[in-house]
Amino acid sequence: MTHAPRARRKRTRGLLSAVALILIAGPATTLSPTLAGAQTAPTSGNAPLISLSDGQNIEGAVPVVVEPVTENDSVTTLAVDGDKIGADKTAGTAHFAFEMGGNGTEARYRNYVTVNTHTAEADRVYLPDIPGGQVGTLDFPGDWLQPGANTVTVHTGANWVDSTTKTAVGYEELPNGEGGRCPNYDDYALSSISLSLLGVVADGEQNLFSYSFGDGTCGSSAKLLNQDLTFVISGEPGSTSGLRTDLDTTKLTNGTHTVSATTQSARRRPSRSTSTMPPPARRR
């Protein structure tokens, strides 16, 4: 497998300066965009992360998630145009990180991880295209974790590939003389594996430094197809909590609105995140 270099997705901090949308400290302020695109700037260390994009046009019910960034500094309030709105507490977002080896993964193979009892198809966390030599991170809800032992299982996916090797595992002839094919598992390696969640310590010393997955070409070499990884959590997931809500934009007027989030520390010193966004014109 070969991959073109892929730009890593950046997370937008709730307290920063950006073109097309201004995120600022202190009272909510609306500023007009001056340039196309978006550039981030240094921010306050305890500013929470808001899941809205810079200059985002929104309509209907829009999920809004606010993540804490400092231990013991939970997100306490979420507001629109300065008016507090209802939101549910979250345990934050857990991060499963690793260094990708070999040729990397391809999304078409649908490699994925499961966490503890969250094994339903809807709970699978799929690996995207990640070239070898790059660091990858998979995110999932922090409340999937528990104090004590936790299991993260890596599952290797397969896809059909053309083959002329009739002895390959799963080989089958295609109709109308189109040749043959066989199910091929993705080949990749994971090393320097870690698990993190704000407010807890995840110990993965029971795991090996590196694991190799795949089957060569349709079973030509035997490697791992599934692997359980164990992480022992010290602390209570959710002790540093975030907030989540579905923002009903039908209750907002057309124009620019500001979403703000405040952390617990703001009761002692200013620490507010603001996200200003223009909803689109309503359809007639």
Protein backbone atom coordinates (compact mmCIF):
# COMPACT_ATOMS: atom_id res chain seq x y z
CA MET A 1 0.00 0.00 0.00
CA THR A 2 1.20 3.49 -0.75
CA HIS A 3 -0.16 6.69 0.69
CA ALA A 4 0.14 10.35 -0.13
CA PRO A 5 0.98 12.55 2.86
CA ARG A 6 -2.21 13.59 4.61
CA ALA A 7 -2.71 16.78 6.56
CA ARG A 8 -3.58 16.12 10.18
CA ARG A 9 -6.86 17.52 11.37
CA LYS A 10 -6.51 20.34 13.85
CA ARG A 11 -8.75 20.73 16.86
CA THR A 12 -10.08 24.26 17.36
CA ARG A 13 -9.62 25.72 20.80
CA GLY A 14 -12.52 27.58 22.28
CA LEU A 15 -10.34 30.56 23.16
CA LEU A 16 -8.28 31.81 20.25
CA SER A 17 -8.11 34.28 17.39
CA ALA A 18 -9.08 33.01 13.96
CA VAL A 19 -9.94 34.54 10.62
CA ALA A 20 -13.49 34.13 9.35
CA LEU A 21 -14.56 33.66 12.98
CA ILE A 22 -13.22 35.29 16.08
CA LEU A 23 -12.83 33.30 19.30
CA ILE A 24 -11.77 35.59 22.12
CA ALA A 25 -11.28 35.78 25.87
CA GLY A 26 -13.62 37.72 28.09
CA PRO A 27 -17.12 38.95 27.19
CA ALA A 28 -18.59 37.69 23.91
CA THR A 29 -17.67 39.97 21.05
CA THR A 30 -18.52 39.73 17.35
CA LEU A 31 -15.82 40.75 14.86
CA SER A 32 -16.08 40.73 11.10
CA PRO A 33 -13.89 38.33 9.06
CA THR A 34 -11.01 39.89 7.18
CA LEU A 35 -9.45 37.01 5.28
CA ALA A 36 -10.46 33.68 3.81
CA GLY A 37 -9.28 30.54 5.57
CA ALA A 38 -8.52 30.00 9.23
CA GLN A 39 -5.36 30.40 11.27
CA THR A 40 -5.07 29.61 14.96
CA ALA A 41 -3.22 31.68 17.54
CA PRO A 42 -1.89 30.93 21.03
CA THR A 43 -4.63 30.64 23.63
CA SER A 44 -5.23 30.61 27.32
CA GLY A 45 -4.14 27.32 28.86
CA ASN A 46 -7.49 26.58 30.49
CA ALA A 47 -9.81 27.56 27.62
CA PRO A 48 -12.20 24.69 26.82
CA LEU A 49 -12.55 23.28 23.29
CA ILE A 50 -15.78 24.01 21.42
CA SER A 51 -16.74 21.63 18.61
CA LEU A 52 -17.91 24.38 16.25
CA SER A 53 -15.84 25.35 13.22
CA ASP A 54 -14.75 28.87 12.46
CA GLY A 55 -17.40 30.69 10.43
CA GLN A 56 -19.64 27.62 10.41
CA ASN A 57 -23.10 27.98 8.87
CA ILE A 58 -25.58 25.93 10.85
CA GLU A 59 -29.22 24.90 10.65
CA GLY A 60 -31.50 22.40 12.34
CA ALA A 61 -30.31 20.58 15.45
CA VAL A 62 -26.53 20.95 15.77
CA PRO A 63 -24.54 18.88 18.29
CA VAL A 64 -22.29 21.10 20.40
CA VAL A 65 -19.61 19.46 22.53
CA VAL A 66 -17.31 21.36 24.88
CA GLU A 67 -14.16 19.63 26.13
CA PRO A 68 -12.13 20.63 29.23
CA VAL A 69 -8.38 20.96 28.73
CA THR A 70 -7.12 21.35 32.29
CA GLU A 71 -7.40 18.68 34.99
CA ASN A 72 -9.92 19.54 37.73
CA ASP A 73 -11.25 22.45 35.67
CA SER A 74 -14.59 21.12 34.43
CA VAL A 75 -16.79 22.97 31.95
CA THR A 76 -19.68 24.40 33.96
CA THR A 77 -21.81 26.52 31.63
CA LEU A 78 -22.73 26.74 27.96
CA ALA A 79 -24.46 29.85 26.60
CA VAL A 80 -25.77 31.34 23.37
CA ASP A 81 -25.50 35.12 23.10
CA GLY A 82 -24.84 35.26 26.82
CA ASP A 83 -27.92 33.25 27.81
CA LYS A 84 -27.20 29.96 29.57
CA ILE A 85 -28.65 26.87 27.85
CA GLY A 86 -29.21 23.36 29.15
CA ALA A 87 -26.46 20.81 28.53
CA ASP A 88 -25.54 17.33 29.73
CA LYS A 89 -22.28 16.50 31.47
CA THR A 90 -19.78 14.29 29.62
CA ALA A 91 -16.73 12.40 30.79
CA GLY A 92 -14.66 14.09 28.11
CA THR A 93 -12.93 12.36 25.20
CA ALA A 94 -10.47 9.50 25.54
CA HIS A 95 -7.56 9.24 23.10
CA PHE A 96 -6.07 5.96 21.87
CA ALA A 97 -2.72 6.89 20.32
CA PHE A 98 -0.04 4.91 18.51
CA GLU A 99 2.75 5.14 15.98
CA MET A 100 1.82 3.57 12.65
CA GLY A 101 4.34 1.19 11.09
CA GLY A 102 4.77 -0.57 7.79
CA ASN A 103 2.80 0.79 4.86
CA GLY A 104 0.12 2.10 7.20
CA THR A 105 -3.63 1.54 7.12
CA GLU A 106 -6.20 2.20 4.42
CA ALA A 107 -9.75 3.17 5.38
CA ARG A 108 -11.18 0.81 2.73
CA TYR A 109 -10.09 -2.17 4.84
CA ARG A 110 -12.23 -0.95 7.74
CA ASN A 111 -9.81 -1.74 10.56
CA TYR A 112 -11.34 -0.74 13.88
CA VAL A 113 -11.07 -0.82 17.66
CA THR A 114 -13.66 -1.65 20.31
CA VAL A 115 -13.59 -0.58 23.96
CA ASN A 116 -14.72 -2.79 26.86
CA THR A 117 -18.36 -3.82 26.30
CA HIS A 118 -18.93 -1.28 23.51
CA THR A 119 -18.66 -3.87 20.76
CA ALA A 120 -21.78 -3.08 18.70
CA GLU A 121 -21.17 -2.05 15.11
CA ALA A 122 -22.32 1.50 15.90
CA ASP A 123 -19.59 1.76 18.59
CA ARG A 124 -16.69 0.68 16.39
CA VAL A 125 -13.96 3.30 16.00
CA TYR A 126 -12.50 2.91 12.51
CA LEU A 127 -8.94 3.66 11.51
CA PRO A 128 -8.64 6.17 8.64
CA ASP A 129 -5.84 6.29 6.07
CA ILE A 130 -2.69 6.64 8.18
CA PRO A 131 0.68 6.39 6.41
CA GLY A 132 3.49 4.44 8.03
CA GLY A 133 5.75 6.54 10.23
CA GLN A 134 2.98 8.85 11.40
CA VAL A 135 1.30 9.06 14.79
CA GLY A 136 -2.41 8.23 14.80
CA THR A 137 -5.08 8.99 17.39
CA LEU A 138 -8.56 7.50 17.70
CA ASP A 139 -11.08 9.30 19.93
CA PHE A 140 -14.04 7.84 21.80
CA PRO A 141 -16.28 8.91 24.72
CA GLY A 142 -14.52 8.95 28.08
CA ASP A 143 -17.48 7.28 29.78
CA TRP A 144 -16.65 4.07 27.89
CA LEU A 145 -13.79 3.67 30.36
CA GLN A 146 -13.99 2.54 33.98
CA PRO A 147 -11.71 2.54 37.03
CA GLY A 148 -9.45 -0.52 37.02
CA ALA A 149 -8.84 -2.79 34.03
CA ASN A 150 -10.05 -1.77 30.57
CA THR A 151 -9.77 -3.62 27.28
CA VAL A 152 -9.19 -1.95 23.92
CA THR A 153 -9.29 -4.49 21.09
CA VAL A 154 -7.73 -3.87 17.68
CA HIS A 155 -9.53 -5.61 14.81
CA THR A 156 -7.98 -6.00 11.36
CA GLY A 157 -10.34 -5.61 8.40
CA ALA A 158 -10.23 -7.24 4.96
CA ASN A 159 -11.09 -6.33 1.40
CA TRP A 160 -11.14 -8.19 -1.90
CA VAL A 161 -8.04 -8.01 -4.08
CA ASP A 162 -7.42 -9.43 -7.55
CA SER A 163 -5.38 -12.62 -7.51
CA THR A 164 -4.17 -15.33 -9.84
CA THR A 165 -3.06 -17.56 -6.96
CA LYS A 166 -5.70 -20.25 -6.80
CA THR A 167 -4.22 -21.64 -3.59
CA ALA A 168 -4.72 -18.35 -1.74
CA VAL A 169 -7.03 -18.44 1.27
CA GLY A 170 -10.59 -17.64 0.19
CA TYR A 171 -9.74 -17.56 -3.53
CA GLU A 172 -12.73 -17.51 -5.88
CA GLU A 173 -13.18 -17.26 -9.63
CA LEU A 174 -15.11 -14.29 -10.99
CA PRO A 175 -17.77 -14.87 -13.66
CA ASN A 176 -17.32 -14.19 -17.37
CA GLY A 177 -13.59 -14.82 -17.34
CA GLU A 178 -12.83 -11.78 -15.22
CA GLY A 179 -10.11 -13.60 -13.27
CA GLY A 180 -9.94 -14.39 -9.59
CA ARG A 181 -9.94 -12.65 -6.23
CA CYS A 182 -9.26 -13.36 -2.58
CA PRO A 183 -10.02 -11.61 0.74
CA ASN A 184 -6.89 -9.77 1.90
CA TYR A 185 -6.40 -8.41 5.42
CA ASP A 186 -4.68 -5.06 5.85
CA ASP A 187 -1.02 -5.25 6.88
CA TYR A 188 0.29 -2.72 9.38
CA ALA A 189 2.04 -2.40 12.74
CA LEU A 190 1.20 -0.39 15.85
CA SER A 191 3.82 0.67 18.39
CA SER A 192 4.20 3.15 21.27
CA ILE A 193 0.55 2.53 22.13
CA SER A 194 -1.08 4.70 24.80
CA LEU A 195 -4.47 5.64 26.21
CA SER A 196 -5.29 9.00 27.79
CA LEU A 197 -8.24 10.81 29.35
CA LEU A 198 -8.11 14.08 31.27
CA GLY A 199 -8.23 13.49 35.01
CA VAL A 200 -7.09 9.85 35.05
CA VAL A 201 -3.92 7.81 34.55
CA ALA A 202 -4.05 4.88 32.11
CA ASP A 203 -1.30 2.30 32.68
CA GLY A 204 -0.61 0.08 29.66
CA GLU A 205 2.59 -1.59 30.85
CA GLN A 206 1.06 -5.04 30.33
CA ASN A 207 1.04 -4.48 26.58
CA LEU A 208 3.95 -5.11 24.22
CA PHE A 209 5.74 -2.20 22.59
CA SER A 210 4.67 -3.25 19.09
CA TYR A 211 2.14 -5.48 17.34
CA SER A 212 2.07 -6.54 13.67
CA PHE A 213 -1.30 -7.14 12.03
CA GLY A 214 -2.45 -8.65 8.73
CA ASP A 215 -2.04 -11.80 6.66
CA GLY A 216 0.50 -10.91 3.98
CA THR A 217 -1.37 -11.39 0.72
CA CYS A 218 -4.49 -13.47 1.21
CA GLY A 219 -2.93 -15.59 3.94
CA SER A 220 0.64 -15.78 2.65
CA SER A 221 1.99 -14.95 6.12
CA ALA A 222 0.33 -15.40 9.48
CA LYS A 223 0.11 -12.30 11.69
CA LEU A 224 -2.41 -10.92 14.17
CA LEU A 225 -5.98 -10.25 13.07
CA ASN A 226 -7.24 -9.22 16.52
CA GLN A 227 -5.44 -8.13 19.68
CA ASP A 228 -6.69 -7.25 23.16
CA LEU A 229 -4.83 -4.44 24.90
CA THR A 230 -5.17 -3.85 28.63
CA PHE A 231 -5.08 -0.45 30.34
CA VAL A 232 -5.50 0.00 34.08
CA ILE A 233 -7.26 3.27 34.95
CA SER A 234 -6.42 5.11 38.17
CA GLY A 235 -8.97 7.80 38.94
CA GLU A 236 -12.61 8.32 37.98
CA PRO A 237 -13.44 8.96 34.30
CA GLY A 238 -15.49 12.14 34.15
CA SER A 239 -13.96 13.71 37.25
CA THR A 240 -13.04 16.56 34.91
CA SER A 241 -16.21 16.88 32.87
CA GLY A 242 -17.33 18.56 29.68
CA LEU A 243 -20.76 19.50 28.34
CA ARG A 244 -22.86 18.45 25.37
CA THR A 245 -26.14 19.63 23.88
CA ASP A 246 -28.11 19.65 20.63
CA LEU A 247 -28.48 23.31 19.71
CA ASP A 248 -31.87 24.03 18.12
CA THR A 249 -31.10 26.74 15.59
CA THR A 250 -34.78 27.15 14.64
CA LYS A 251 -35.09 29.15 17.86
CA LEU A 252 -32.40 31.59 16.72
CA THR A 253 -32.91 34.55 14.43
CA ASN A 254 -30.97 34.84 11.17
CA GLY A 255 -27.63 36.51 11.69
CA THR A 256 -24.52 36.11 13.80
CA HIS A 257 -24.68 34.36 17.16
CA THR A 258 -22.12 33.59 19.82
CA VAL A 259 -21.73 30.31 21.67
CA SER A 260 -19.68 30.56 24.87
CA ALA A 261 -18.44 28.04 27.41
CA THR A 262 -17.06 28.70 30.88
CA THR A 263 -14.94 26.45 33.06
CA GLN A 264 -15.01 26.08 36.84
CA SER A 265 -11.91 28.24 37.25
CA ALA A 266 -13.76 31.22 35.76
CA ARG A 267 -15.43 31.68 39.15
CA ARG A 268 -12.01 32.72 40.42
CA ARG A 269 -10.54 34.38 37.35
CA PRO A 270 -11.70 35.13 33.76
CA SER A 271 -11.71 31.97 31.63
CA ARG A 272 -14.37 32.08 28.96
CA SER A 273 -14.42 30.61 25.47
CA THR A 274 -16.51 32.17 22.75
CA SER A 275 -17.41 30.92 19.31
CA THR A 276 -19.16 33.30 16.95
CA MET A 277 -21.00 31.81 13.98
CA PRO A 278 -23.39 33.08 11.30
CA PRO A 279 -26.39 30.79 10.58
CA PRO A 280 -27.50 30.60 6.92
CA ALA A 281 -30.58 32.40 5.61
CA ARG A 282 -33.66 30.30 6.17
CA ARG A 283 -35.28 28.66 3.18
CA ARG A 284 -38.51 30.19 1.94
